[in-house]
Amino acid sequence: MTALPSVPLARGGQISDATLQRIITVGHDAQVHDTLDTAGAALIMLTAPQLAFELLHRRRAMATIQDLTDLDNVRFLPGA
């Protein structure tokens, strides 16, 4: 069997809002109604890495913003 051609270290681009909504619907149906077709499973599997990557970076950015806005440990010197 011949291996399919691939691009090393390739990853998908930004996921559209419409695709995010479809992922939500597919995931909800799978969890609540116990229905998951092959296309829905493929959608979740193919988008999970990008979603986790984006979530991780958002959490890190929000933590940095929180650190920068936490002024309890900052002392301002009087101006001249």
PDB file of N, CA and C in Angstrom:
ATOM      1  N   MET A   1       0.850  -1.182   0.000  1.00  0.00           N
ATOM      2  CA  MET A   1       0.000   0.000   0.000  1.00  0.00           C
ATOM      3  C   MET A   1       0.892   1.240   0.000  1.00  0.00           C
ATOM      4  N   THR A   2       0.585   2.173  -0.865  1.00  0.00           N
ATOM      5  CA  THR A   2       1.361   3.394  -0.986  1.00  0.00           C
ATOM      6  C   THR A   2       0.860   4.421   0.032  1.00  0.00           C
ATOM      7  N   ALA A   3       1.808   5.068   0.711  1.00  0.00           N
ATOM      8  CA  ALA A   3       1.438   6.093   1.684  1.00  0.00           C
ATOM      9  C   ALA A   3       0.943   7.333   0.958  1.00  0.00           C
ATOM     10  N   LEU A   4      -0.034   7.994   1.544  1.00  0.00           N
ATOM     11  CA  LEU A   4      -0.551   9.221   0.960  1.00  0.00           C
ATOM     12  C   LEU A   4       0.451  10.345   1.160  1.00  0.00           C
ATOM     13  N   PRO A   5       0.565  11.245   0.199  1.00  0.00           N
ATOM     14  CA  PRO A   5       1.490  12.376   0.370  1.00  0.00           C
ATOM     15  C   PRO A   5       0.990  13.302   1.475  1.00  0.00           C
ATOM     16  N   SER A   6       1.907  13.877   2.201  1.00  0.00           N
ATOM     17  CA  SER A   6       1.519  14.804   3.259  1.00  0.00           C
ATOM     18  C   SER A   6       2.567  15.895   3.395  1.00  0.00           C
ATOM     19  N   VAL A   7       2.190  16.941   4.073  1.00  0.00           N
ATOM     20  CA  VAL A   7       3.096  18.049   4.331  1.00  0.00           C
ATOM     21  C   VAL A   7       3.531  17.929   5.790  1.00  0.00           C
ATOM     22  N   PRO A   8       4.823  17.753   6.059  1.00  0.00           N
ATOM     23  CA  PRO A   8       5.266  17.619   7.437  1.00  0.00           C
ATOM     24  C   PRO A   8       4.934  18.858   8.271  1.00  0.00           C
ATOM     25  N   LEU A   9       4.486  18.627   9.475  1.00  0.00           N
ATOM     26  CA  LEU A   9       4.178  19.681  10.438  1.00  0.00           C
ATOM     27  C   LEU A   9       3.106  20.654   9.955  1.00  0.00           C
ATOM     28  N   ALA A  10       2.264  20.222   9.035  1.00  0.00           N
ATOM     29  CA  ALA A  10       1.186  21.087   8.563  1.00  0.00           C
ATOM     30  C   ALA A  10       0.083  21.135   9.604  1.00  0.00           C
ATOM     31  N   ARG A  11      -0.583  22.271   9.690  1.00  0.00           N
ATOM     32  CA  ARG A  11      -1.730  22.383  10.581  1.00  0.00           C
ATOM     33  C   ARG A  11      -2.764  23.272   9.934  1.00  0.00           C
ATOM     34  N   GLY A  12      -3.989  23.114  10.349  1.00  0.00           N
ATOM     35  CA  GLY A  12      -5.079  23.861   9.762  1.00  0.00           C
ATOM     36  C   GLY A  12      -5.047  25.331  10.137  1.00  0.00           C
ATOM     37  N   GLY A  13      -5.745  26.108   9.370  1.00  0.00           N
ATOM     38  CA  GLY A  13      -5.837  27.533   9.639  1.00  0.00           C
ATOM     39  C   GLY A  13      -6.922  27.841  10.649  1.00  0.00           C
ATOM     40  N   GLN A  14      -7.335  29.093  10.705  1.00  0.00           N
ATOM     41  CA  GLN A  14      -8.353  29.532  11.647  1.00  0.00           C
ATOM     42  C   GLN A  14      -9.677  28.844  11.335  1.00  0.00           C
ATOM     43  N   ILE A  15     -10.374  28.438  12.377  1.00  0.00           N
ATOM     44  CA  ILE A  15     -11.661  27.772  12.235  1.00  0.00           C
ATOM     45  C   ILE A  15     -12.744  28.844  12.228  1.00  0.00           C
ATOM     46  N   SER A  16     -13.615  28.797  11.231  1.00  0.00           N
ATOM     47  CA  SER A  16     -14.657  29.825  11.085  1.00  0.00           C
ATOM     48  C   SER A  16     -15.712  29.692  12.187  1.00  0.00           C
ATOM     49  N   ASP A  17     -16.480  30.766  12.372  1.00  0.00           N
ATOM     50  CA  ASP A  17     -17.556  30.746  13.353  1.00  0.00           C
ATOM     51  C   ASP A  17     -18.617  29.702  12.995  1.00  0.00           C
ATOM     52  N   ALA A  18     -18.889  29.552  11.707  1.00  0.00           N
ATOM     53  CA  ALA A  18     -19.878  28.561  11.277  1.00  0.00           C
ATOM     54  C   ALA A  18     -19.405  27.146  11.621  1.00  0.00           C
ATOM     55  N   THR A  19     -18.125  26.882  11.428  1.00  0.00           N
ATOM     56  CA  THR A  19     -17.577  25.569  11.769  1.00  0.00           C
ATOM     57  C   THR A  19     -17.588  25.356  13.270  1.00  0.00           C
ATOM     58  N   LEU A  20     -17.266  26.395  14.039  1.00  0.00           N
ATOM     59  CA  LEU A  20     -17.343  26.282  15.498  1.00  0.00           C
ATOM     60  C   LEU A  20     -18.758  25.941  15.940  1.00  0.00           C
ATOM     61  N   GLN A  21     -19.739  26.584  15.337  1.00  0.00           N
ATOM     62  CA  GLN A  21     -21.134  26.290  15.687  1.00  0.00           C
ATOM     63  C   GLN A  21     -21.479  24.848  15.340  1.00  0.00           C
ATOM     64  N   ARG A  22     -20.988  24.366  14.217  1.00  0.00           N
ATOM     65  CA  ARG A  22     -21.247  22.969  13.825  1.00  0.00           C
ATOM     66  C   ARG A  22     -20.593  22.008  14.814  1.00  0.00           C
ATOM     67  N   ILE A  23     -19.384  22.322  15.259  1.00  0.00           N
ATOM     68  CA  ILE A  23     -18.691  21.484  16.247  1.00  0.00           C
ATOM     69  C   ILE A  23     -19.497  21.437  17.541  1.00  0.00           C
ATOM     70  N   ILE A  24     -20.021  22.584  17.963  1.00  0.00           N
ATOM     71  CA  ILE A  24     -20.848  22.642  19.171  1.00  0.00           C
ATOM     72  C   ILE A  24     -22.073  21.748  19.015  1.00  0.00           C
ATOM     73  N   THR A  25     -22.734  21.854  17.878  1.00  0.00           N
ATOM     74  CA  THR A  25     -23.934  21.059  17.628  1.00  0.00           C
ATOM     75  C   THR A  25     -23.619  19.563  17.616  1.00  0.00           C
ATOM     76  N   VAL A  26     -22.559  19.185  16.906  1.00  0.00           N
ATOM     77  CA  VAL A  26     -22.170  17.775  16.824  1.00  0.00           C
ATOM     78  C   VAL A  26     -21.802  17.249  18.207  1.00  0.00           C
ATOM     79  N   GLY A  27     -21.009  18.013  18.951  1.00  0.00           N
ATOM     80  CA  GLY A  27     -20.605  17.587  20.287  1.00  0.00           C
ATOM     81  C   GLY A  27     -21.780  17.471  21.239  1.00  0.00           C
ATOM     82  N   HIS A  28     -22.693  18.440  21.164  1.00  0.00           N
ATOM     83  CA  HIS A  28     -23.886  18.407  22.020  1.00  0.00           C
ATOM     84  C   HIS A  28     -24.740  17.177  21.693  1.00  0.00           C
ATOM     85  N   ASP A  29     -24.964  16.943  20.403  1.00  0.00           N
ATOM     86  CA  ASP A  29     -25.757  15.778  20.008  1.00  0.00           C
ATOM     87  C   ASP A  29     -25.109  14.478  20.469  1.00  0.00           C
ATOM     88  N   ALA A  30     -23.792  14.410  20.393  1.00  0.00           N
ATOM     89  CA  ALA A  30     -23.083  13.200  20.816  1.00  0.00           C
ATOM     90  C   ALA A  30     -23.209  12.987  22.328  1.00  0.00           C
ATOM     91  N   GLN A  31     -23.114  14.077  23.100  1.00  0.00           N
ATOM     92  CA  GLN A  31     -23.174  13.953  24.556  1.00  0.00           C
ATOM     93  C   GLN A  31     -24.591  13.755  25.084  1.00  0.00           C
ATOM     94  N   VAL A  32     -25.539  14.504  24.543  1.00  0.00           N
ATOM     95  CA  VAL A  32     -26.897  14.491  25.086  1.00  0.00           C
ATOM     96  C   VAL A  32     -27.779  13.429  24.432  1.00  0.00           C
ATOM     97  N   HIS A  33     -27.693  13.328  23.114  1.00  0.00           N
ATOM     98  CA  HIS A  33     -28.589  12.441  22.387  1.00  0.00           C
ATOM     99  C   HIS A  33     -27.924  11.136  21.971  1.00  0.00           C
ATOM    100  N   ASP A  34     -26.647  10.973  22.318  1.00  0.00           N
ATOM    101  CA  ASP A  34     -25.909   9.743  22.013  1.00  0.00           C
ATOM    102  C   ASP A  34     -25.928   9.423  20.516  1.00  0.00           C
ATOM    103  N   THR A  35     -25.790  10.473  19.690  1.00  0.00           N
ATOM    104  CA  THR A  35     -25.724  10.281  18.243  1.00  0.00           C
ATOM    105  C   THR A  35     -24.452  10.933  17.708  1.00  0.00           C
ATOM    106  N   LEU A  36     -23.676  10.169  16.983  1.00  0.00           N
ATOM    107  CA  LEU A  36     -22.459  10.693  16.373  1.00  0.00           C
ATOM    108  C   LEU A  36     -22.179   9.906  15.104  1.00  0.00           C
ATOM    109  N   ASP A  37     -22.292  10.587  13.964  1.00  0.00           N
ATOM    110  CA  ASP A  37     -21.998   9.922  12.710  1.00  0.00           C
ATOM    111  C   ASP A  37     -20.517  10.057  12.375  1.00  0.00           C
ATOM    112  N   THR A  38     -20.104   9.398  11.332  1.00  0.00           N
ATOM    113  CA  THR A  38     -18.694   9.398  10.942  1.00  0.00           C
ATOM    114  C   THR A  38     -18.207  10.798  10.607  1.00  0.00           C
ATOM    115  N   ALA A  39     -19.026  11.581   9.912  1.00  0.00           N
ATOM    116  CA  ALA A  39     -18.623  12.944   9.548  1.00  0.00           C
ATOM    117  C   ALA A  39     -18.461  13.816  10.790  1.00  0.00           C
ATOM    118  N   GLY A  40     -19.356  13.678  11.749  1.00  0.00           N
ATOM    119  CA  GLY A  40     -19.245  14.444  12.985  1.00  0.00           C
ATOM    120  C   GLY A  40     -18.010  14.067  13.780  1.00  0.00           C
ATOM    121  N   ALA A  41     -17.730  12.776  13.849  1.00  0.00           N
ATOM    122  CA  ALA A  41     -16.532  12.313  14.564  1.00  0.00           C
ATOM    123  C   ALA A  41     -15.272  12.843  13.888  1.00  0.00           C
ATOM    124  N   ALA A  42     -15.262  12.815  12.558  1.00  0.00           N
ATOM    125  CA  ALA A  42     -14.102  13.329  11.816  1.00  0.00           C
ATOM    126  C   ALA A  42     -13.939  14.828  12.053  1.00  0.00           C
ATOM    127  N   LEU A  43     -15.041  15.565  12.077  1.00  0.00           N
ATOM    128  CA  LEU A  43     -14.988  17.012  12.320  1.00  0.00           C
ATOM    129  C   LEU A  43     -14.363  17.304  13.680  1.00  0.00           C
ATOM    130  N   ILE A  44     -14.802  16.593  14.697  1.00  0.00           N
ATOM    131  CA  ILE A  44     -14.261  16.810  16.038  1.00  0.00           C
ATOM    132  C   ILE A  44     -12.783  16.439  16.091  1.00  0.00           C
ATOM    133  N   MET A  45     -12.427  15.312  15.518  1.00  0.00           N
ATOM    134  CA  MET A  45     -11.029  14.873  15.557  1.00  0.00           C
ATOM    135  C   MET A  45     -10.108  15.819  14.789  1.00  0.00           C
ATOM    136  N   LEU A  46     -10.576  16.340  13.680  1.00  0.00           N
ATOM    137  CA  LEU A  46      -9.730  17.197  12.848  1.00  0.00           C
ATOM    138  C   LEU A  46      -9.594  18.618  13.392  1.00  0.00           C
ATOM    139  N   THR A  47     -10.539  19.052  14.207  1.00  0.00           N
ATOM    140  CA  THR A  47     -10.480  20.420  14.719  1.00  0.00           C
ATOM    141  C   THR A  47     -10.021  20.511  16.171  1.00  0.00           C
ATOM    142  N   ALA A  48      -9.998  19.406  16.883  1.00  0.00           N
ATOM    143  CA  ALA A  48      -9.627  19.423  18.304  1.00  0.00           C
ATOM    144  C   ALA A  48      -8.236  20.029  18.552  1.00  0.00           C
ATOM    145  N   PRO A  49      -7.207  19.681  17.780  1.00  0.00           N
ATOM    146  CA  PRO A  49      -5.892  20.277  18.055  1.00  0.00           C
ATOM    147  C   PRO A  49      -5.876  21.806  17.920  1.00  0.00           C
ATOM    148  N   GLN A  50      -6.504  22.338  16.883  1.00  0.00           N
ATOM    149  CA  GLN A  50      -6.525  23.785  16.698  1.00  0.00           C
ATOM    150  C   GLN A  50      -7.317  24.469  17.811  1.00  0.00           C
ATOM    151  N   LEU A  51      -8.425  23.854  18.223  1.00  0.00           N
ATOM    152  CA  LEU A  51      -9.232  24.441  19.294  1.00  0.00           C
ATOM    153  C   LEU A  51      -8.469  24.432  20.614  1.00  0.00           C
ATOM    154  N   ALA A  52      -7.801  23.336  20.910  1.00  0.00           N
ATOM    155  CA  ALA A  52      -7.019  23.258  22.148  1.00  0.00           C
ATOM    156  C   ALA A  52      -5.868  24.257  22.116  1.00  0.00           C
ATOM    157  N   PHE A  53      -5.210  24.402  20.973  1.00  0.00           N
ATOM    158  CA  PHE A  53      -4.112  25.353  20.807  1.00  0.00           C
ATOM    159  C   PHE A  53      -4.606  26.778  21.062  1.00  0.00           C
ATOM    160  N   GLU A  54      -5.739  27.122  20.452  1.00  0.00           N
ATOM    161  CA  GLU A  54      -6.291  28.467  20.623  1.00  0.00           C
ATOM    162  C   GLU A  54      -6.715  28.702  22.070  1.00  0.00           C
ATOM    163  N   LEU A  55      -7.336  27.719  22.695  1.00  0.00           N
ATOM    164  CA  LEU A  55      -7.763  27.859  24.091  1.00  0.00           C
ATOM    165  C   LEU A  55      -6.567  28.033  25.024  1.00  0.00           C
ATOM    166  N   LEU A  56      -5.530  27.253  24.796  1.00  0.00           N
ATOM    167  CA  LEU A  56      -4.330  27.352  25.629  1.00  0.00           C
ATOM    168  C   LEU A  56      -3.704  28.739  25.524  1.00  0.00           C
ATOM    169  N   HIS A  57      -3.588  29.254  24.311  1.00  0.00           N
ATOM    170  CA  HIS A  57      -2.999  30.578  24.129  1.00  0.00           C
ATOM    171  C   HIS A  57      -3.898  31.674  24.694  1.00  0.00           C
ATOM    172  N   ARG A  58      -5.199  31.502  24.590  1.00  0.00           N
ATOM    173  CA  ARG A  58      -6.115  32.496  25.173  1.00  0.00           C
ATOM    174  C   ARG A  58      -5.984  32.506  26.695  1.00  0.00           C
ATOM    175  N   ARG A  59      -5.896  31.336  27.299  1.00  0.00           N
ATOM    176  CA  ARG A  59      -5.730  31.265  28.750  1.00  0.00           C
ATOM    177  C   ARG A  59      -4.432  31.928  29.186  1.00  0.00           C
ATOM    178  N   ARG A  60      -3.370  31.683  28.433  1.00  0.00           N
ATOM    179  CA  ARG A  60      -2.084  32.307  28.766  1.00  0.00           C
ATOM    180  C   ARG A  60      -2.161  33.819  28.613  1.00  0.00           C
ATOM    181  N   ALA A  61      -2.805  34.286  27.566  1.00  0.00           N
ATOM    182  CA  ALA A  61      -2.941  35.733  27.351  1.00  0.00           C
ATOM    183  C   ALA A  61      -3.773  36.359  28.463  1.00  0.00           C
ATOM    184  N   MET A  62      -4.850  35.710  28.845  1.00  0.00           N
ATOM    185  CA  MET A  62      -5.698  36.250  29.916  1.00  0.00           C
ATOM    186  C   MET A  62      -4.945  36.266  31.243  1.00  0.00           C
ATOM    187  N   ALA A  63      -4.107  35.268  31.504  1.00  0.00           N
ATOM    188  CA  ALA A  63      -3.312  35.251  32.731  1.00  0.00           C
ATOM    189  C   ALA A  63      -2.306  36.398  32.725  1.00  0.00           C
ATOM    190  N   THR A  64      -1.706  36.671  31.578  1.00  0.00           N
ATOM    191  CA  THR A  64      -0.759  37.784  31.460  1.00  0.00           C
ATOM    192  C   THR A  64      -1.467  39.110  31.684  1.00  0.00           C
ATOM    193  N   ILE A  65      -2.627  39.259  31.090  1.00  0.00           N
ATOM    194  CA  ILE A  65      -3.395  40.491  31.279  1.00  0.00           C
ATOM    195  C   ILE A  65      -3.753  40.651  32.751  1.00  0.00           C
ATOM    196  N   GLN A  66      -4.156  39.573  33.399  1.00  0.00           N
ATOM    197  CA  GLN A  66      -4.496  39.631  34.819  1.00  0.00           C
ATOM    198  C   GLN A  66      -3.278  40.056  35.634  1.00  0.00           C
ATOM    199  N   ASP A  67      -2.114  39.496  35.308  1.00  0.00           N
ATOM    200  CA  ASP A  67      -0.888  39.875  36.015  1.00  0.00           C
ATOM    201  C   ASP A  67      -0.565  41.350  35.825  1.00  0.00           C
ATOM    202  N   LEU A  68      -0.793  41.861  34.621  1.00  0.00           N
ATOM    203  CA  LEU A  68      -0.473  43.254  34.326  1.00  0.00           C
ATOM    204  C   LEU A  68      -1.457  44.231  34.960  1.00  0.00           C
ATOM    205  N   THR A  69      -2.671  43.777  35.220  1.00  0.00           N
ATOM    206  CA  THR A  69      -3.666  44.678  35.801  1.00  0.00           C
ATOM    207  C   THR A  69      -3.787  44.521  37.313  1.00  0.00           C
ATOM    208  N   ASP A  70      -3.080  43.561  37.883  1.00  0.00           N
ATOM    209  CA  ASP A  70      -3.090  43.365  39.336  1.00  0.00           C
ATOM    210  C   ASP A  70      -2.094  44.349  39.942  1.00  0.00           C
ATOM    211  N   LEU A  71      -2.591  45.455  40.410  1.00  0.00           N
ATOM    212  CA  LEU A  71      -1.721  46.529  40.873  1.00  0.00           C
ATOM    213  C   LEU A  71      -1.510  46.525  42.382  1.00  0.00           C
ATOM    214  N   ASP A  72      -1.960  45.496  43.082  1.00  0.00           N
ATOM    215  CA  ASP A  72      -1.770  45.433  44.527  1.00  0.00           C
ATOM    216  C   ASP A  72      -0.296  45.376  44.914  1.00  0.00           C
ATOM    217  N   ASN A  73       0.528  44.835  44.032  1.00  0.00           N
ATOM    218  CA  ASN A  73       1.952  44.698  44.354  1.00  0.00           C
ATOM    219  C   ASN A  73       2.808  45.797  43.716  1.00  0.00           C
ATOM    220  N   VAL A  74       2.160  46.855  43.184  1.00  0.00           N
ATOM    221  CA  VAL A  74       2.882  47.940  42.528  1.00  0.00           C
ATOM    222  C   VAL A  74       2.846  49.178  43.426  1.00  0.00           C
ATOM    223  N   ARG A  75       3.980  49.793  43.596  1.00  0.00           N
ATOM    224  CA  ARG A  75       4.059  51.039  44.363  1.00  0.00           C
ATOM    225  C   ARG A  75       4.494  52.156  43.411  1.00  0.00           C
ATOM    226  N   PHE A  76       3.695  53.198  43.369  1.00  0.00           N
ATOM    227  CA  PHE A  76       4.016  54.323  42.502  1.00  0.00           C
ATOM    228  C   PHE A  76       4.812  55.355  43.270  1.00  0.00           C
ATOM    229  N   LEU A  77       5.870  55.841  42.682  1.00  0.00           N
ATOM    230  CA  LEU A  77       6.699  56.890  43.298  1.00  0.00           C
ATOM    231  C   LEU A  77       6.056  58.253  43.049  1.00  0.00           C
ATOM    232  N   PRO A  78       6.132  59.133  44.023  1.00  0.00           N
ATOM    233  CA  PRO A  78       5.559  60.465  43.821  1.00  0.00           C
ATOM    234  C   PRO A  78       6.279  61.190  42.675  1.00  0.00           C
ATOM    235  N   GLY A  79       5.502  61.912  41.882  1.00  0.00           N
ATOM    236  CA  GLY A  79       6.059  62.662  40.758  1.00  0.00           C
ATOM    237  C   GLY A  79       6.694  63.954  41.207  1.00  0.00           C
ATOM    238  N   ALA A  80       7.511  64.551  40.372  1.00  0.00           N
ATOM    239  CA  ALA A  80       8.205  65.810  40.717  1.00  0.00           C
ATOM    240  C   ALA A  80       7.327  66.986  40.437  1.00  0.00           C
TER     241      ALA A  80
END
